[in-house]
Protein backbone atom coordinates (compact mmCIF):
# COMPACT_ATOMS: atom_id res chain seq x y z
CA MET A 1 -7.27 34.44 15.32
CA ALA A 2 -3.60 34.07 14.36
CA LYS A 3 -2.23 30.65 13.51
CA ASN A 4 -0.32 30.58 16.81
CA GLY A 5 -3.50 31.09 18.82
CA ILE A 6 -5.24 28.34 16.90
CA PHE A 7 -2.21 26.10 17.33
CA ILE A 8 -2.30 26.66 21.10
CA LYS A 9 -6.04 25.94 21.15
CA ALA A 10 -5.43 22.73 19.17
CA PHE A 11 -2.57 21.79 21.51
CA ASP A 12 -4.73 22.32 24.60
CA TRP A 13 -7.52 20.25 23.05
CA LEU A 14 -5.08 17.42 22.23
CA VAL A 15 -3.70 17.34 25.77
CA GLU A 16 -7.19 17.38 27.26
CA ASN A 17 -9.01 15.05 24.83
CA LYS A 18 -6.40 12.84 23.20
CA GLY A 19 -3.91 12.41 26.03
CA VAL A 20 -1.03 14.02 24.17
CA ASN A 21 1.88 14.24 26.61
CA GLY A 22 2.72 17.95 26.42
CA GLN A 23 4.98 19.61 23.88
CA LYS A 24 7.26 16.58 23.75
CA GLY A 25 4.36 14.26 22.88
CA LEU A 26 3.09 16.60 20.17
CA ALA A 27 6.60 17.00 18.73
CA GLU A 28 7.01 13.20 18.55
CA ALA A 29 3.58 12.73 16.96
CA LEU A 30 4.33 15.36 14.30
CA GLY A 31 7.94 14.35 13.73
CA ILE A 32 9.32 17.81 14.57
CA SER A 33 11.50 19.09 17.40
CA GLN A 34 10.16 20.08 20.78
CA ASN A 35 12.02 23.38 20.30
CA THR A 36 9.87 24.10 17.23
CA ILE A 37 6.70 23.44 19.22
CA SER A 38 7.95 25.75 21.97
CA ARG A 39 8.76 28.52 19.49
CA ILE A 40 5.26 28.24 17.95
CA MET A 41 3.62 28.26 21.39
CA THR A 42 5.51 31.41 22.44
CA GLY A 43 4.71 33.19 19.17
CA LYS A 44 8.32 33.39 17.95
CA VAL A 45 7.37 31.57 14.72
CA GLU A 46 4.13 30.59 13.04
CA PRO A 47 3.45 26.93 12.35
CA SER A 48 4.35 25.95 8.80
CA ASP A 49 1.74 24.57 6.44
CA ASP A 50 3.57 21.26 6.63
CA THR A 51 3.20 21.22 10.44
CA LEU A 52 -0.51 22.10 10.13
CA ARG A 53 -0.98 19.37 7.51
CA LYS A 54 0.66 16.83 9.84
CA MET A 55 -1.66 17.93 12.67
CA SER A 56 -4.63 17.53 10.36
CA GLN A 57 -3.58 14.07 9.22
CA GLU A 58 -2.47 12.81 12.61
CA PHE A 59 -5.32 14.16 14.74
CA GLY A 60 -8.19 14.93 12.35
CA PHE A 61 -8.11 18.71 12.54
CA ASN A 62 -9.77 20.60 9.70
CA MET A 63 -7.00 22.35 7.68
CA GLN A 64 -9.21 25.41 7.11
CA TRP A 65 -9.73 25.71 10.86
CA LEU A 66 -5.99 25.38 11.53
CA ARG A 67 -5.33 28.16 9.01
CA GLY A 68 -7.96 30.37 10.62
CA GLU A 69 -10.23 30.20 7.57
CA ASP A 70 -13.13 28.21 9.08
CA PRO A 71 -13.74 28.94 12.77
CA ASP A 72 -16.84 26.69 12.94
CA HIS A 73 -15.30 23.34 12.04
CA MET A 74 -12.34 22.45 14.25
CA LEU A 75 -12.31 18.74 13.42
CA ILE A 76 -12.71 17.12 10.04
CA ASP A 77 -15.70 15.23 11.44
CA ASP A 78 -17.40 18.58 12.06
CA ASP A 79 -17.47 19.37 8.34
CA PRO A 80 -19.72 17.15 6.18
CA ILE A 81 -17.69 17.89 3.04
CA ASN A 82 -14.47 16.72 4.71
CA VAL A 83 -16.18 13.61 6.05
CA HIS A 84 -17.33 12.80 2.50
CA ILE A 85 -13.83 13.39 1.11
CA MET A 86 -12.27 11.20 3.81
CA TYR A 87 -14.81 8.46 3.03
CA GLN A 88 -13.97 8.67 -0.68
CA ASP A 89 -10.24 8.57 0.09
CA SER A 90 -10.81 5.52 2.26
CA MET A 91 -12.77 3.79 -0.50
CA VAL A 92 -10.07 4.62 -3.07
CA ASN A 93 -7.37 3.22 -0.76
CA GLU A 94 -9.37 0.03 -0.20
CA THR A 95 -9.88 -0.33 -3.97
CA ILE A 96 -6.16 0.18 -4.60
CA GLU A 97 -5.29 -2.50 -2.04
CA ALA A 98 -7.81 -4.92 -3.58
CA LEU A 99 -6.36 -4.26 -7.04
CA LYS A 100 -2.82 -4.85 -5.77
CA LYS A 101 -3.94 -8.25 -4.42
CA GLN A 102 -5.57 -9.12 -7.75
CA ILE A 103 -2.42 -8.11 -9.64
CA ALA A 104 -0.32 -10.34 -7.37
CA ILE A 105 -2.67 -13.27 -8.06
CA LEU A 106 -2.52 -12.64 -11.81
CA GLU A 107 1.28 -12.37 -11.74
CA LYS A 108 1.44 -15.74 -9.94
CA ARG A 109 -0.89 -17.28 -12.52
CA ILE A 110 1.29 -15.94 -15.32
CA GLU A 111 4.37 -17.47 -13.67
CA ASP A 112 2.52 -20.79 -13.32
CA LYS A 113 1.39 -20.62 -16.95
CA ASP A 114 4.94 -19.90 -18.12
CA THR A 115 6.20 -22.90 -16.14
CA MET A 116 3.45 -25.05 -17.61
CA LEU A 117 4.33 -23.93 -21.14
CA ARG A 118 8.02 -24.70 -20.58
CA MET A 119 7.11 -28.16 -19.30
CA LYS A 120 4.81 -28.72 -22.28
CA ASP A 121 7.64 -27.73 -24.64
CA LYS A 122 10.02 -30.17 -22.93
CA PHE A 123 7.44 -32.94 -23.15
CA ILE A 124 6.89 -32.27 -26.84
CA ASN A 125 10.66 -32.29 -27.42
CA MET A 126 10.94 -35.64 -25.64
CA LEU A 127 8.14 -37.09 -27.75
CA GLU A 128 9.79 -35.82 -30.92
CA LEU A 129 13.09 -37.40 -29.86
CA GLN A 130 11.35 -40.69 -29.14
CA LEU A 131 9.61 -40.52 -32.49
CA ASP A 132 12.94 -39.92 -34.23
CA MET A 133 14.51 -42.78 -32.31
CA SER A 134 11.61 -45.08 -33.13
CA LYS A 135 12.04 -44.33 -36.81
CA ARG A 136 15.70 -45.33 -36.52
CA ASP A 137 15.25 -48.32 -34.30
CA SER A 138 12.50 -50.78 -35.10
CA SER A 139 12.37 -52.04 -31.51
CA PHE A 140 10.98 -48.63 -30.42
CA HIS A 141 8.54 -48.72 -33.27
CA ASN A 142 6.72 -51.72 -31.78
CA GLN A 143 6.14 -50.06 -28.37
CA PRO A 144 3.01 -47.95 -27.89
CA ALA A 145 3.67 -44.21 -27.78
CA SER A 146 1.70 -43.88 -24.54
CA LEU A 147 4.11 -46.23 -22.78
CA MET A 148 7.12 -44.23 -23.93
CA ALA A 149 5.54 -40.94 -22.93
CA SER A 150 4.45 -42.20 -19.50
CA ASP A 151 8.05 -43.07 -18.65
CA ALA A 152 9.07 -39.43 -19.06
CA VAL A 153 9.66 -37.48 -15.84
CA LEU A 154 9.13 -33.74 -16.10
CA GLU A 155 10.46 -31.27 -13.59
CA PRO A 156 9.75 -27.55 -13.69
CA GLU A 157 12.67 -25.25 -14.42
CA LYS A 158 14.04 -23.33 -11.48
């Protein structure tokens, strides 16, 4: 069967089973013009591979069936190999999303660690300044270091 005949069969099935609203509805779903759908339906042009791929992705048609290569498996769900491939793709996509979330968490932790390190450096600098001052001024020398350090207020850099 020519691609146009298969396309018409797929169109009829979509209208009957998926509630697609005629040529206009199919054109909107595939992101192509209604004129293109009309020209395919009347046999003036054959559907492009891109149009067939969109039909496959949008509605679950088996690409081999749309190309006329596999008359027994109209829908992807009809072909166990395609079902397996779709399952694997789904698992890969879920894994990618989980990894993206983990990366975001790690990036946040790195930012927090960098902030913590900057604060630690500031605190050490303050202690060193106090130590220098205490060496110069004997009145600082008599105060406990913990008291001087506890008076320090640290704010993270922005």
